[in-house]
Amino acid sequence: MARNLMQAGAAFLQNKMETSAGVKIRYVRAGEIDLDEIPAVVGESEVTADNGAGTINIATSVDFTIRSEHFPVGFAPKKNDVIQWRRECGLLEYRVLPADFLPHYSSADGYGIAWRIRTKLITAS
């Protein structure tokens, strides 16, 4: 019962984030999938790495938290998929890529309700 309550709470929180702070994105995998107007919550992951020569490098990954039910059954994000986000400044395109030692995607909640997909900006127009 506790697991079902926690899972219901995670679904409720994802819904609240989407309705109060969500954006609409387009998810594209060339020749396979093209999903438009998917709700997503935008965030960041900051990764620090020591280059071994006394310099600490800091990189920021733009993360999109997207409900897994918006994708076809059996779908999982792949490296090099593209997320497009239209903003007032124009169209931003992000490539799905790992952020140093972090994987390119992971469960956002522990129940498979949403994925946290890590990306890097590739174009802005």
PDB file of N, CA and C in Angstrom:
ATOM      1  N   MET A   1       0.814  -1.194   0.000  1.00  0.00           N
ATOM      2  CA  MET A   1       0.000   0.000   0.000  1.00  0.00           C
ATOM      3  C   MET A   1       0.863   1.266   0.000  1.00  0.00           C
ATOM      4  N   ALA A   2       1.952   1.256   0.765  1.00  0.00           N
ATOM      5  CA  ALA A   2       2.809   2.450   0.819  1.00  0.00           C
ATOM      6  C   ALA A   2       3.412   2.742  -0.550  1.00  0.00           C
ATOM      7  N   ARG A   3       3.803   1.709  -1.282  1.00  0.00           N
ATOM      8  CA  ARG A   3       4.373   1.905  -2.615  1.00  0.00           C
ATOM      9  C   ARG A   3       3.342   2.549  -3.535  1.00  0.00           C
ATOM     10  N   ASN A   4       2.095   2.077  -3.511  1.00  0.00           N
ATOM     11  CA  ASN A   4       1.056   2.653  -4.355  1.00  0.00           C
ATOM     12  C   ASN A   4       0.797   4.107  -3.991  1.00  0.00           C
ATOM     13  N   LEU A   5       0.840   4.432  -2.725  1.00  0.00           N
ATOM     14  CA  LEU A   5       0.644   5.805  -2.284  1.00  0.00           C
ATOM     15  C   LEU A   5       1.793   6.692  -2.751  1.00  0.00           C
ATOM     16  N   MET A   6       3.022   6.199  -2.645  1.00  0.00           N
ATOM     17  CA  MET A   6       4.179   6.963  -3.119  1.00  0.00           C
ATOM     18  C   MET A   6       4.133   7.131  -4.635  1.00  0.00           C
ATOM     19  N   GLN A   7       3.744   6.086  -5.348  1.00  0.00           N
ATOM     20  CA  GLN A   7       3.648   6.155  -6.800  1.00  0.00           C
ATOM     21  C   GLN A   7       2.563   7.152  -7.212  1.00  0.00           C
ATOM     22  N   ALA A   8       1.443   7.133  -6.536  1.00  0.00           N
ATOM     23  CA  ALA A   8       0.370   8.092  -6.825  1.00  0.00           C
ATOM     24  C   ALA A   8       0.841   9.510  -6.524  1.00  0.00           C
ATOM     25  N   GLY A   9       1.614   9.676  -5.454  1.00  0.00           N
ATOM     26  CA  GLY A   9       2.159  10.993  -5.118  1.00  0.00           C
ATOM     27  C   GLY A   9       3.131  11.487  -6.171  1.00  0.00           C
ATOM     28  N   ALA A  10       3.973  10.589  -6.694  1.00  0.00           N
ATOM     29  CA  ALA A  10       4.920  10.969  -7.752  1.00  0.00           C
ATOM     30  C   ALA A  10       4.175  11.388  -9.014  1.00  0.00           C
ATOM     31  N   ALA A  11       3.117  10.678  -9.371  1.00  0.00           N
ATOM     32  CA  ALA A  11       2.309  11.035 -10.548  1.00  0.00           C
ATOM     33  C   ALA A  11       1.631  12.388 -10.336  1.00  0.00           C
ATOM     34  N   PHE A  12       1.121  12.620  -9.142  1.00  0.00           N
ATOM     35  CA  PHE A  12       0.471  13.892  -8.817  1.00  0.00           C
ATOM     36  C   PHE A  12       1.462  15.049  -8.936  1.00  0.00           C
ATOM     37  N   LEU A  13       2.667  14.866  -8.382  1.00  0.00           N
ATOM     38  CA  LEU A  13       3.684  15.924  -8.444  1.00  0.00           C
ATOM     39  C   LEU A  13       4.142  16.196  -9.870  1.00  0.00           C
ATOM     40  N   GLN A  14       4.307  15.151 -10.681  1.00  0.00           N
ATOM     41  CA  GLN A  14       4.684  15.365 -12.078  1.00  0.00           C
ATOM     42  C   GLN A  14       3.604  16.155 -12.802  1.00  0.00           C
ATOM     43  N   ASN A  15       2.350  15.830 -12.559  1.00  0.00           N
ATOM     44  CA  ASN A  15       1.243  16.559 -13.173  1.00  0.00           C
ATOM     45  C   ASN A  15       1.250  18.022 -12.751  1.00  0.00           C
ATOM     46  N   LYS A  16       1.472  18.284 -11.478  1.00  0.00           N
ATOM     47  CA  LYS A  16       1.512  19.666 -10.986  1.00  0.00           C
ATOM     48  C   LYS A  16       2.660  20.447 -11.601  1.00  0.00           C
ATOM     49  N   MET A  17       3.832  19.812 -11.730  1.00  0.00           N
ATOM     50  CA  MET A  17       4.970  20.495 -12.348  1.00  0.00           C
ATOM     51  C   MET A  17       4.667  20.826 -13.803  1.00  0.00           C
ATOM     52  N   GLU A  18       4.049  19.882 -14.519  1.00  0.00           N
ATOM     53  CA  GLU A  18       3.723  20.117 -15.927  1.00  0.00           C
ATOM     54  C   GLU A  18       2.720  21.253 -16.092  1.00  0.00           C
ATOM     55  N   THR A  19       1.709  21.296 -15.241  1.00  0.00           N
ATOM     56  CA  THR A  19       0.675  22.326 -15.396  1.00  0.00           C
ATOM     57  C   THR A  19       1.118  23.694 -14.895  1.00  0.00           C
ATOM     58  N   SER A  20       2.006  23.745 -13.925  1.00  0.00           N
ATOM     59  CA  SER A  20       2.397  25.052 -13.379  1.00  0.00           C
ATOM     60  C   SER A  20       3.714  25.584 -13.955  1.00  0.00           C
ATOM     61  N   ALA A  21       4.620  24.705 -14.373  1.00  0.00           N
ATOM     62  CA  ALA A  21       5.927  25.163 -14.847  1.00  0.00           C
ATOM     63  C   ALA A  21       6.351  24.454 -16.126  1.00  0.00           C
ATOM     64  N   GLY A  22       5.425  23.785 -16.797  1.00  0.00           N
ATOM     65  CA  GLY A  22       5.768  23.007 -17.972  1.00  0.00           C
ATOM     66  C   GLY A  22       5.852  23.829 -19.247  1.00  0.00           C
ATOM     67  N   VAL A  23       6.522  23.267 -20.222  1.00  0.00           N
ATOM     68  CA  VAL A  23       6.639  23.843 -21.559  1.00  0.00           C
ATOM     69  C   VAL A  23       6.240  22.753 -22.547  1.00  0.00           C
ATOM     70  N   LYS A  24       6.016  23.133 -23.789  1.00  0.00           N
ATOM     71  CA  LYS A  24       5.712  22.162 -24.849  1.00  0.00           C
ATOM     72  C   LYS A  24       6.958  21.985 -25.700  1.00  0.00           C
ATOM     73  N   ILE A  25       7.303  20.732 -25.957  1.00  0.00           N
ATOM     74  CA  ILE A  25       8.502  20.429 -26.748  1.00  0.00           C
ATOM     75  C   ILE A  25       8.136  19.474 -27.880  1.00  0.00           C
ATOM     76  N   ARG A  26       9.087  19.303 -28.787  1.00  0.00           N
ATOM     77  CA  ARG A  26       8.965  18.323 -29.861  1.00  0.00           C
ATOM     78  C   ARG A  26      10.120  17.348 -29.686  1.00  0.00           C
ATOM     79  N   TYR A  27       9.819  16.049 -29.719  1.00  0.00           N
ATOM     80  CA  TYR A  27      10.831  15.014 -29.545  1.00  0.00           C
ATOM     81  C   TYR A  27      10.979  14.284 -30.868  1.00  0.00           C
ATOM     82  N   VAL A  28      12.219  14.234 -31.392  1.00  0.00           N
ATOM     83  CA  VAL A  28      12.463  13.669 -32.719  1.00  0.00           C
ATOM     84  C   VAL A  28      13.584  12.629 -32.668  1.00  0.00           C
ATOM     85  N   ARG A  29      13.319  11.489 -33.275  1.00  0.00           N
ATOM     86  CA  ARG A  29      14.352  10.508 -33.588  1.00  0.00           C
ATOM     87  C   ARG A  29      14.236  10.291 -35.093  1.00  0.00           C
ATOM     88  N   ALA A  30      15.250  10.705 -35.827  1.00  0.00           N
ATOM     89  CA  ALA A  30      15.209  10.730 -37.295  1.00  0.00           C
ATOM     90  C   ALA A  30      14.698   9.415 -37.873  1.00  0.00           C
ATOM     91  N   GLY A  31      13.646   9.522 -38.672  1.00  0.00           N
ATOM     92  CA  GLY A  31      13.091   8.366 -39.357  1.00  0.00           C
ATOM     93  C   GLY A  31      12.273   7.419 -38.507  1.00  0.00           C
ATOM     94  N   GLU A  32      12.165   7.682 -37.196  1.00  0.00           N
ATOM     95  CA  GLU A  32      11.458   6.748 -36.321  1.00  0.00           C
ATOM     96  C   GLU A  32      10.317   7.377 -35.538  1.00  0.00           C
ATOM     97  N   ILE A  33      10.562   8.552 -34.965  1.00  0.00           N
ATOM     98  CA  ILE A  33       9.558   9.136 -34.087  1.00  0.00           C
ATOM     99  C   ILE A  33       9.602  10.655 -34.187  1.00  0.00           C
ATOM    100  N   ASP A  34       8.429  11.268 -34.194  1.00  0.00           N
ATOM    101  CA  ASP A  34       8.321  12.725 -34.242  1.00  0.00           C
ATOM    102  C   ASP A  34       7.070  13.095 -33.451  1.00  0.00           C
ATOM    103  N   LEU A  35       7.262  13.443 -32.205  1.00  0.00           N
ATOM    104  CA  LEU A  35       6.155  13.767 -31.305  1.00  0.00           C
ATOM    105  C   LEU A  35       6.171  15.254 -30.993  1.00  0.00           C
ATOM    106  N   ASP A  36       5.070  15.931 -31.288  1.00  0.00           N
ATOM    107  CA  ASP A  36       4.996  17.377 -31.106  1.00  0.00           C
ATOM    108  C   ASP A  36       4.057  17.716 -29.949  1.00  0.00           C
ATOM    109  N   GLU A  37       4.323  18.852 -29.324  1.00  0.00           N
ATOM    110  CA  GLU A  37       3.468  19.372 -28.240  1.00  0.00           C
ATOM    111  C   GLU A  37       3.428  18.456 -27.016  1.00  0.00           C
ATOM    112  N   ILE A  38       4.573  17.896 -26.663  1.00  0.00           N
ATOM    113  CA  ILE A  38       4.667  17.068 -25.459  1.00  0.00           C
ATOM    114  C   ILE A  38       4.977  17.976 -24.271  1.00  0.00           C
ATOM    115  N   PRO A  39       4.245  17.848 -23.160  1.00  0.00           N
ATOM    116  CA  PRO A  39       4.586  18.643 -21.988  1.00  0.00           C
ATOM    117  C   PRO A  39       5.875  18.148 -21.327  1.00  0.00           C
ATOM    118  N   ALA A  40       6.714  19.099 -20.919  1.00  0.00           N
ATOM    119  CA  ALA A  40       7.979  18.770 -20.268  1.00  0.00           C
ATOM    120  C   ALA A  40       8.293  19.833 -19.224  1.00  0.00           C
ATOM    121  N   VAL A  41       9.066  19.456 -18.247  1.00  0.00           N
ATOM    122  CA  VAL A  41       9.556  20.393 -17.233  1.00  0.00           C
ATOM    123  C   VAL A  41      11.052  20.532 -17.465  1.00  0.00           C
ATOM    124  N   VAL A  42      11.527  21.765 -17.562  1.00  0.00           N
ATOM    125  CA  VAL A  42      12.933  22.031 -17.874  1.00  0.00           C
ATOM    126  C   VAL A  42      13.718  22.241 -16.587  1.00  0.00           C
ATOM    127  N   GLY A  43      14.880  21.633 -16.520  1.00  0.00           N
ATOM    128  CA  GLY A  43      15.761  21.799 -15.372  1.00  0.00           C
ATOM    129  C   GLY A  43      17.209  21.751 -15.819  1.00  0.00           C
ATOM    130  N   GLU A  44      18.101  21.631 -14.865  1.00  0.00           N
ATOM    131  CA  GLU A  44      19.529  21.583 -15.161  1.00  0.00           C
ATOM    132  C   GLU A  44      20.215  20.575 -14.252  1.00  0.00           C
ATOM    133  N   SER A  45      21.316  20.037 -14.759  1.00  0.00           N
ATOM    134  CA  SER A  45      22.244  19.253 -13.939  1.00  0.00           C
ATOM    135  C   SER A  45      23.602  19.902 -14.085  1.00  0.00           C
ATOM    136  N   GLU A  46      24.239  20.203 -12.985  1.00  0.00           N
ATOM    137  CA  GLU A  46      25.586  20.757 -13.037  1.00  0.00           C
ATOM    138  C   GLU A  46      26.566  19.661 -12.674  1.00  0.00           C
ATOM    139  N   VAL A  47      27.553  19.481 -13.538  1.00  0.00           N
ATOM    140  CA  VAL A  47      28.539  18.428 -13.354  1.00  0.00           C
ATOM    141  C   VAL A  47      29.908  19.068 -13.228  1.00  0.00           C
ATOM    142  N   THR A  48      30.657  18.667 -12.219  1.00  0.00           N
ATOM    143  CA  THR A  48      32.023  19.166 -12.068  1.00  0.00           C
ATOM    144  C   THR A  48      32.990  18.006 -12.265  1.00  0.00           C
ATOM    145  N   ALA A  49      34.104  18.307 -12.917  1.00  0.00           N
ATOM    146  CA  ALA A  49      35.107  17.278 -13.163  1.00  0.00           C
ATOM    147  C   ALA A  49      36.492  17.880 -13.000  1.00  0.00           C
ATOM    148  N   ASP A  50      37.353  17.144 -12.312  1.00  0.00           N
ATOM    149  CA  ASP A  50      38.749  17.543 -12.152  1.00  0.00           C
ATOM    150  C   ASP A  50      39.518  16.996 -13.346  1.00  0.00           C
ATOM    151  N   ASN A  51      40.200  17.865 -14.084  1.00  0.00           N
ATOM    152  CA  ASN A  51      40.922  17.412 -15.279  1.00  0.00           C
ATOM    153  C   ASN A  51      42.276  16.781 -14.946  1.00  0.00           C
ATOM    154  N   GLY A  52      42.606  16.689 -13.678  1.00  0.00           N
ATOM    155  CA  GLY A  52      43.856  16.064 -13.265  1.00  0.00           C
ATOM    156  C   GLY A  52      45.039  17.012 -13.238  1.00  0.00           C
ATOM    157  N   ALA A  53      44.857  18.227 -13.759  1.00  0.00           N
ATOM    158  CA  ALA A  53      45.945  19.212 -13.788  1.00  0.00           C
ATOM    159  C   ALA A  53      45.645  20.378 -12.859  1.00  0.00           C
ATOM    160  N   GLY A  54      44.736  20.138 -11.918  1.00  0.00           N
ATOM    161  CA  GLY A  54      44.414  21.182 -10.952  1.00  0.00           C
ATOM    162  C   GLY A  54      43.295  22.114 -11.374  1.00  0.00           C
ATOM    163  N   THR A  55      42.647  21.832 -12.492  1.00  0.00           N
ATOM    164  CA  THR A  55      41.543  22.665 -12.953  1.00  0.00           C
ATOM    165  C   THR A  55      40.236  21.896 -12.816  1.00  0.00           C
ATOM    166  N   ILE A  56      39.248  22.568 -12.286  1.00  0.00           N
ATOM    167  CA  ILE A  56      37.919  21.974 -12.157  1.00  0.00           C
ATOM    168  C   ILE A  56      37.064  22.525 -13.294  1.00  0.00           C
ATOM    169  N   ASN A  57      36.506  21.644 -14.097  1.00  0.00           N
ATOM    170  CA  ASN A  57      35.613  22.036 -15.182  1.00  0.00           C
ATOM    171  C   ASN A  57      34.175  21.878 -14.714  1.00  0.00           C
ATOM    172  N   ILE A  58      33.350  22.871 -15.010  1.00  0.00           N
ATOM    173  CA  ILE A  58      31.937  22.826 -14.660  1.00  0.00           C
ATOM    174  C   ILE A  58      31.133  22.865 -15.949  1.00  0.00           C
ATOM    175  N   ALA A  59      30.243  21.908 -16.106  1.00  0.00           N
ATOM    176  CA  ALA A  59      29.380  21.856 -17.280  1.00  0.00           C
ATOM    177  C   ALA A  59      27.936  21.792 -16.810  1.00  0.00           C
ATOM    178  N   THR A  60      27.052  22.394 -17.591  1.00  0.00           N
ATOM    179  CA  THR A  60      25.637  22.366 -17.271  1.00  0.00           C
ATOM    180  C   THR A  60      24.892  21.641 -18.378  1.00  0.00           C
ATOM    181  N   SER A  61      24.072  20.694 -17.983  1.00  0.00           N
ATOM    182  CA  SER A  61      23.225  19.955 -18.905  1.00  0.00           C
ATOM    183  C   SER A  61      21.804  20.464 -18.727  1.00  0.00           C
ATOM    184  N   VAL A  62      21.110  20.757 -19.831  1.00  0.00           N
ATOM    185  CA  VAL A  62      19.692  21.110 -19.755  1.00  0.00           C
ATOM    186  C   VAL A  62      18.926  19.794 -19.735  1.00  0.00           C
ATOM    187  N   ASP A  63      18.110  19.621 -18.727  1.00  0.00           N
ATOM    188  CA  ASP A  63      17.356  18.382 -18.547  1.00  0.00           C
ATOM    189  C   ASP A  63      15.874  18.631 -18.814  1.00  0.00           C
ATOM    190  N   PHE A  64      15.237  17.668 -19.436  1.00  0.00           N
ATOM    191  CA  PHE A  64      13.798  17.723 -19.667  1.00  0.00           C
ATOM    192  C   PHE A  64      13.173  16.538 -18.941  1.00  0.00           C
ATOM    193  N   THR A  65      12.251  16.812 -18.032  1.00  0.00           N
ATOM    194  CA  THR A  65      11.518  15.752 -17.354  1.00  0.00           C
ATOM    195  C   THR A  65      10.211  15.572 -18.121  1.00  0.00           C
ATOM    196  N   ILE A  66      10.065  14.370 -18.691  1.00  0.00           N
ATOM    197  CA  ILE A  66       8.936  14.086 -19.565  1.00  0.00           C
ATOM    198  C   ILE A  66       8.249  12.808 -19.089  1.00  0.00           C
ATOM    199  N   ARG A  67       6.931  12.863 -19.018  1.00  0.00           N
ATOM    200  CA  ARG A  67       6.141  11.703 -18.609  1.00  0.00           C
ATOM    201  C   ARG A  67       6.312  10.584 -19.646  1.00  0.00           C
ATOM    202  N   SER A  68       6.645   9.383 -19.200  1.00  0.00           N
ATOM    203  CA  SER A  68       6.921   8.266 -20.114  1.00  0.00           C
ATOM    204  C   SER A  68       5.693   7.859 -20.921  1.00  0.00           C
ATOM    205  N   GLU A  69       4.503   8.115 -20.426  1.00  0.00           N
ATOM    206  CA  GLU A  69       3.287   7.722 -21.149  1.00  0.00           C
ATOM    207  C   GLU A  69       3.073   8.525 -22.441  1.00  0.00           C
ATOM    208  N   HIS A  70       3.823   9.602 -22.642  1.00  0.00           N
ATOM    209  CA  HIS A  70       3.715  10.378 -23.875  1.00  0.00           C
ATOM    210  C   HIS A  70       4.419   9.703 -25.044  1.00  0.00           C
ATOM    211  N   PHE A  71       5.152   8.628 -24.772  1.00  0.00           N
ATOM    212  CA  PHE A  71       5.911   7.921 -25.796  1.00  0.00           C
ATOM    213  C   PHE A  71       5.267   6.565 -26.079  1.00  0.00           C
ATOM    214  N   PRO A  72       5.553   5.986 -27.251  1.00  0.00           N
ATOM    215  CA  PRO A  72       5.011   4.649 -27.555  1.00  0.00           C
ATOM    216  C   PRO A  72       5.509   3.600 -26.565  1.00  0.00           C
ATOM    217  N   VAL A  73       4.740   2.545 -26.406  1.00  0.00           N
ATOM    218  CA  VAL A  73       5.117   1.435 -25.525  1.00  0.00           C
ATOM    219  C   VAL A  73       6.448   0.855 -25.994  1.00  0.00           C
ATOM    220  N   GLY A  74       7.337   0.599 -25.064  1.00  0.00           N
ATOM    221  CA  GLY A  74       8.646   0.035 -25.372  1.00  0.00           C
ATOM    222  C   GLY A  74       9.695   1.064 -25.767  1.00  0.00           C
ATOM    223  N   PHE A  75       9.295   2.332 -25.841  1.00  0.00           N
ATOM    224  CA  PHE A  75      10.222   3.398 -26.216  1.00  0.00           C
ATOM    225  C   PHE A  75      11.129   3.736 -25.045  1.00  0.00           C
ATOM    226  N   ALA A  76      12.380   4.042 -25.360  1.00  0.00           N
ATOM    227  CA  ALA A  76      13.314   4.596 -24.382  1.00  0.00           C
ATOM    228  C   ALA A  76      14.153   5.643 -25.105  1.00  0.00           C
ATOM    229  N   PRO A  77      14.481   6.742 -24.440  1.00  0.00           N
ATOM    230  CA  PRO A  77      15.320   7.762 -25.083  1.00  0.00           C
ATOM    231  C   PRO A  77      16.666   7.178 -25.499  1.00  0.00           C
ATOM    232  N   LYS A  78      17.149   7.610 -26.667  1.00  0.00           N
ATOM    233  CA  LYS A  78      18.462   7.187 -27.161  1.00  0.00           C
ATOM    234  C   LYS A  78      19.361   8.394 -27.313  1.00  0.00           C
ATOM    235  N   LYS A  79      20.663   8.148 -27.175  1.00  0.00           N
ATOM    236  CA  LYS A  79      21.636   9.213 -27.439  1.00  0.00           C
ATOM    237  C   LYS A  79      21.427   9.712 -28.859  1.00  0.00           C
ATOM    238  N   ASN A  80      21.584  11.020 -29.033  1.00  0.00           N
ATOM    239  CA  ASN A  80      21.460  11.718 -30.312  1.00  0.00           C
ATOM    240  C   ASN A  80      20.030  11.984 -30.758  1.00  0.00           C
ATOM    241  N   ASP A  81      19.011  11.577 -29.993  1.00  0.00           N
ATOM    242  CA  ASP A  81      17.659  12.061 -30.269  1.00  0.00           C
ATOM    243  C   ASP A  81      17.692  13.576 -30.106  1.00  0.00           C
ATOM    244  N   VAL A  82      16.696  14.276 -30.647  1.00  0.00           N
ATOM    245  CA  VAL A  82      16.679  15.735 -30.593  1.00  0.00           C
ATOM    246  C   VAL A  82      15.395  16.223 -29.918  1.00  0.00           C
ATOM    247  N   ILE A  83      15.547  17.197 -29.036  1.00  0.00           N
ATOM    248  CA  ILE A  83      14.411  17.874 -28.424  1.00  0.00           C
ATOM    249  C   ILE A  83      14.417  19.312 -28.910  1.00  0.00           C
ATOM    250  N   GLN A  84      13.290  19.756 -29.449  1.00  0.00           N
ATOM    251  CA  GLN A  84      13.141  21.129 -29.927  1.00  0.00           C
ATOM    252  C   GLN A  84      12.213  21.871 -28.983  1.00  0.00           C
ATOM    253  N   TRP A  85      12.629  23.072 -28.619  1.00  0.00           N
ATOM    254  CA  TRP A  85      11.855  23.903 -27.697  1.00  0.00           C
ATOM    255  C   TRP A  85      11.754  25.292 -28.305  1.00  0.00           C
ATOM    256  N   ARG A  86      10.549  25.682 -28.680  1.00  0.00           N
ATOM    257  CA  ARG A  86      10.330  27.003 -29.272  1.00  0.00           C
ATOM    258  C   ARG A  86      10.106  28.015 -28.154  1.00  0.00           C
ATOM    259  N   ARG A  87      10.960  29.043 -28.153  1.00  0.00           N
ATOM    260  CA  ARG A  87      10.870  30.114 -27.156  1.00  0.00           C
ATOM    261  C   ARG A  87      10.728  31.439 -27.870  1.00  0.00           C
ATOM    262  N   GLU A  88      10.541  32.504 -27.125  1.00  0.00           N
ATOM    263  CA  GLU A  88      10.402  33.833 -27.724  1.00  0.00           C
ATOM    264  C   GLU A  88      11.625  34.219 -28.547  1.00  0.00           C
ATOM    265  N   CYS A  89      12.792  33.741 -28.145  1.00  0.00           N
ATOM    266  CA  CYS A  89      14.036  34.069 -28.849  1.00  0.00           C
ATOM    267  C   CYS A  89      14.248  33.206 -30.093  1.00  0.00           C
ATOM    268  N   GLY A  90      13.413  32.221 -30.318  1.00  0.00           N
ATOM    269  CA  GLY A  90      13.539  31.352 -31.481  1.00  0.00           C
ATOM    270  C   GLY A  90      13.496  29.883 -31.096  1.00  0.00           C
ATOM    271  N   LEU A  91      13.881  29.042 -32.031  1.00  0.00           N
ATOM    272  CA  LEU A  91      13.868  27.600 -31.819  1.00  0.00           C
ATOM    273  C   LEU A  91      15.209  27.139 -31.255  1.00  0.00           C
ATOM    274  N   LEU A  92      15.158  26.426 -30.145  1.00  0.00           N
ATOM    275  CA  LEU A  92      16.357  25.840 -29.535  1.00  0.00           C
ATOM    276  C   LEU A  92      16.302  24.337 -29.753  1.00  0.00           C
ATOM    277  N   GLU A  93      17.422  23.769 -30.189  1.00  0.00           N
ATOM    278  CA  GLU A  93      17.513  22.329 -30.383  1.00  0.00           C
ATOM    279  C   GLU A  93      18.558  21.748 -29.448  1.00  0.00           C
ATOM    280  N   TYR A  94      18.175  20.669 -28.805  1.00  0.00           N
ATOM    281  CA  TYR A  94      19.036  20.002 -27.844  1.00  0.00           C
ATOM    282  C   TYR A  94      19.227  18.551 -28.267  1.00  0.00           C
ATOM    283  N   ARG A  95      20.457  18.051 -28.162  1.00  0.00           N
ATOM    284  CA  ARG A  95      20.749  16.655 -28.472  1.00  0.00           C
ATOM    285  C   ARG A  95      20.781  15.875 -27.157  1.00  0.00           C
ATOM    286  N   VAL A  96      20.145  14.714 -27.156  1.00  0.00           N
ATOM    287  CA  VAL A  96      20.144  13.847 -25.981  1.00  0.00           C
ATOM    288  C   VAL A  96      21.536  13.229 -25.852  1.00  0.00           C
ATOM    289  N   LEU A  97      22.227  13.583 -24.777  1.00  0.00           N
ATOM    290  CA  LEU A  97      23.590  13.114 -24.533  1.00  0.00           C
ATOM    291  C   LEU A  97      23.824  12.973 -23.032  1.00  0.00           C
ATOM    292  N   PRO A  98      24.711  12.077 -22.643  1.00  0.00           N
ATOM    293  CA  PRO A  98      25.038  11.986 -21.215  1.00  0.00           C
ATOM    294  C   PRO A  98      25.800  13.227 -20.766  1.00  0.00           C
ATOM    295  N   ALA A  99      25.726  13.519 -19.493  1.00  0.00           N
ATOM    296  CA  ALA A  99      26.466  14.645 -18.905  1.00  0.00           C
ATOM    297  C   ALA A  99      27.601  14.063 -18.075  1.00  0.00           C
ATOM    298  N   ASP A 100      28.776  13.978 -18.680  1.00  0.00           N
ATOM    299  CA  ASP A 100      29.950  13.356 -18.064  1.00  0.00           C
ATOM    300  C   ASP A 100      29.609  11.961 -17.543  1.00  0.00           C
ATOM    301  N   PHE A 101      29.581  11.766 -16.255  1.00  0.00           N
ATOM    302  CA  PHE A 101      29.342  10.436 -15.705  1.00  0.00           C
ATOM    303  C   PHE A 101      27.852  10.135 -15.505  1.00  0.00           C
ATOM    304  N   LEU A 102      26.965  11.081 -15.795  1.00  0.00           N
ATOM    305  CA  LEU A 102      25.523  10.843 -15.679  1.00  0.00           C
ATOM    306  C   LEU A 102      25.003  10.231 -16.981  1.00  0.00           C
ATOM    307  N   PRO A 103      24.069   9.283 -16.914  1.00  0.00           N
ATOM    308  CA  PRO A 103      23.528   8.687 -18.135  1.00  0.00           C
ATOM    309  C   PRO A 103      22.666   9.690 -18.907  1.00  0.00           C
ATOM    310  N   HIS A 104      22.390   9.392 -20.174  1.00  0.00           N
ATOM    311  CA  HIS A 104      21.604  10.313 -20.989  1.00  0.00           C
ATOM    312  C   HIS A 104      20.149  10.412 -20.527  1.00  0.00           C
ATOM    313  N   TYR A 105      19.667   9.425 -19.797  1.00  0.00           N
ATOM    314  CA  TYR A 105      18.344   9.543 -19.163  1.00  0.00           C
ATOM    315  C   TYR A 105      18.287   8.619 -17.960  1.00  0.00           C
ATOM    316  N   SER A 106      17.345   8.924 -17.082  1.00  0.00           N
ATOM    317  CA  SER A 106      17.120   8.094 -15.909  1.00  0.00           C
ATOM    318  C   SER A 106      15.695   8.318 -15.437  1.00  0.00           C
ATOM    319  N   SER A 107      15.243   7.480 -14.554  1.00  0.00           N
ATOM    320  CA  SER A 107      13.910   7.669 -13.982  1.00  0.00           C
ATOM    321  C   SER A 107      13.917   8.947 -13.146  1.00  0.00           C
ATOM    322  N   ALA A 108      12.897   9.753 -13.312  1.00  0.00           N
ATOM    323  CA  ALA A 108      12.817  10.997 -12.550  1.00  0.00           C
ATOM    324  C   ALA A 108      12.206  10.782 -11.178  1.00  0.00           C
ATOM    325  N   ASP A 109      11.582   9.625 -10.969  1.00  0.00           N
ATOM    326  CA  ASP A 109      10.809   9.451  -9.749  1.00  0.00           C
ATOM    327  C   ASP A 109      10.937   8.081  -9.095  1.00  0.00           C
ATOM    328  N   GLY A 110      11.593   7.139  -9.726  1.00  0.00           N
ATOM    329  CA  GLY A 110      11.736   5.810  -9.154  1.00  0.00           C
ATOM    330  C   GLY A 110      10.584   4.871  -9.473  1.00  0.00           C
ATOM    331  N   TYR A 111       9.564   5.342 -10.168  1.00  0.00           N
ATOM    332  CA  TYR A 111       8.401   4.516 -10.496  1.00  0.00           C
ATOM    333  C   TYR A 111       8.160   4.406 -11.998  1.00  0.00           C
ATOM    334  N   GLY A 112       8.983   5.045 -12.806  1.00  0.00           N
ATOM    335  CA  GLY A 112       8.804   4.995 -14.248  1.00  0.00           C
ATOM    336  C   GLY A 112       7.728   5.920 -14.778  1.00  0.00           C
ATOM    337  N   ILE A 113       7.266   6.839 -13.944  1.00  0.00           N
ATOM    338  CA  ILE A 113       6.230   7.779 -14.383  1.00  0.00           C
ATOM    339  C   ILE A 113       6.821   8.792 -15.357  1.00  0.00           C
ATOM    340  N   ALA A 114       8.015   9.281 -15.058  1.00  0.00           N
ATOM    341  CA  ALA A 114       8.658  10.275 -15.924  1.00  0.00           C
ATOM    342  C   ALA A 114      10.150   9.984 -16.019  1.00  0.00           C
ATOM    343  N   TRP A 115      10.738  10.443 -17.125  1.00  0.00           N
ATOM    344  CA  TRP A 115      12.175  10.326 -17.337  1.00  0.00           C
ATOM    345  C   TRP A 115      12.813  11.692 -17.229  1.00  0.00           C
ATOM    346  N   ARG A 116      14.008  11.726 -16.715  1.00  0.00           N
ATOM    347  CA  ARG A 116      14.844  12.929 -16.745  1.00  0.00           C
ATOM    348  C   ARG A 116      15.833  12.712 -17.876  1.00  0.00           C
ATOM    349  N   ILE A 117      15.665  13.491 -18.948  1.00  0.00           N
ATOM    350  CA  ILE A 117      16.465  13.314 -20.152  1.00  0.00           C
ATOM    351  C   ILE A 117      17.493  14.448 -20.214  1.00  0.00           C
ATOM    352  N   ARG A 118      18.769  14.095 -20.229  1.00  0.00           N
ATOM    353  CA  ARG A 118      19.851  15.084 -20.235  1.00  0.00           C
ATOM    354  C   ARG A 118      20.226  15.429 -21.672  1.00  0.00           C
ATOM    355  N   THR A 119      20.480  16.709 -21.902  1.00  0.00           N
ATOM    356  CA  THR A 119      20.750  17.180 -23.264  1.00  0.00           C
ATOM    357  C   THR A 119      21.838  18.229 -23.268  1.00  0.00           C
ATOM    358  N   LYS A 120      22.300  18.551 -24.481  1.00  0.00           N
ATOM    359  CA  LYS A 120      23.221  19.667 -24.705  1.00  0.00           C
ATOM    360  C   LYS A 120      22.665  20.484 -25.854  1.00  0.00           C
ATOM    361  N   LEU A 121      22.727  21.795 -25.711  1.00  0.00           N
ATOM    362  CA  LEU A 121      22.256  22.704 -26.758  1.00  0.00           C
ATOM    363  C   LEU A 121      23.105  22.528 -28.007  1.00  0.00           C
ATOM    364  N   ILE A 122      22.444  22.345 -29.167  1.00  0.00           N
ATOM    365  CA  ILE A 122      23.206  22.205 -30.414  1.00  0.00           C
ATOM    366  C   ILE A 122      22.945  23.357 -31.378  1.00  0.00           C
ATOM    367  N   THR A 123      21.726  23.914 -31.400  1.00  0.00           N
ATOM    368  CA  THR A 123      21.452  25.055 -32.273  1.00  0.00           C
ATOM    369  C   THR A 123      20.434  25.976 -31.638  1.00  0.00           C
ATOM    370  N   ALA A 124      20.579  27.248 -31.954  1.00  0.00           N
ATOM    371  CA  ALA A 124      19.611  28.259 -31.545  1.00  0.00           C
ATOM    372  C   ALA A 124      19.371  29.136 -32.764  1.00  0.00           C
ATOM    373  N   SER A 125      18.098  29.303 -33.118  1.00  0.00           N
ATOM    374  CA  SER A 125      17.799  30.145 -34.276  1.00  0.00           C
ATOM    375  C   SER A 125      16.697  31.135 -33.969  1.00  0.00           C
TER     376      SER A 125
END
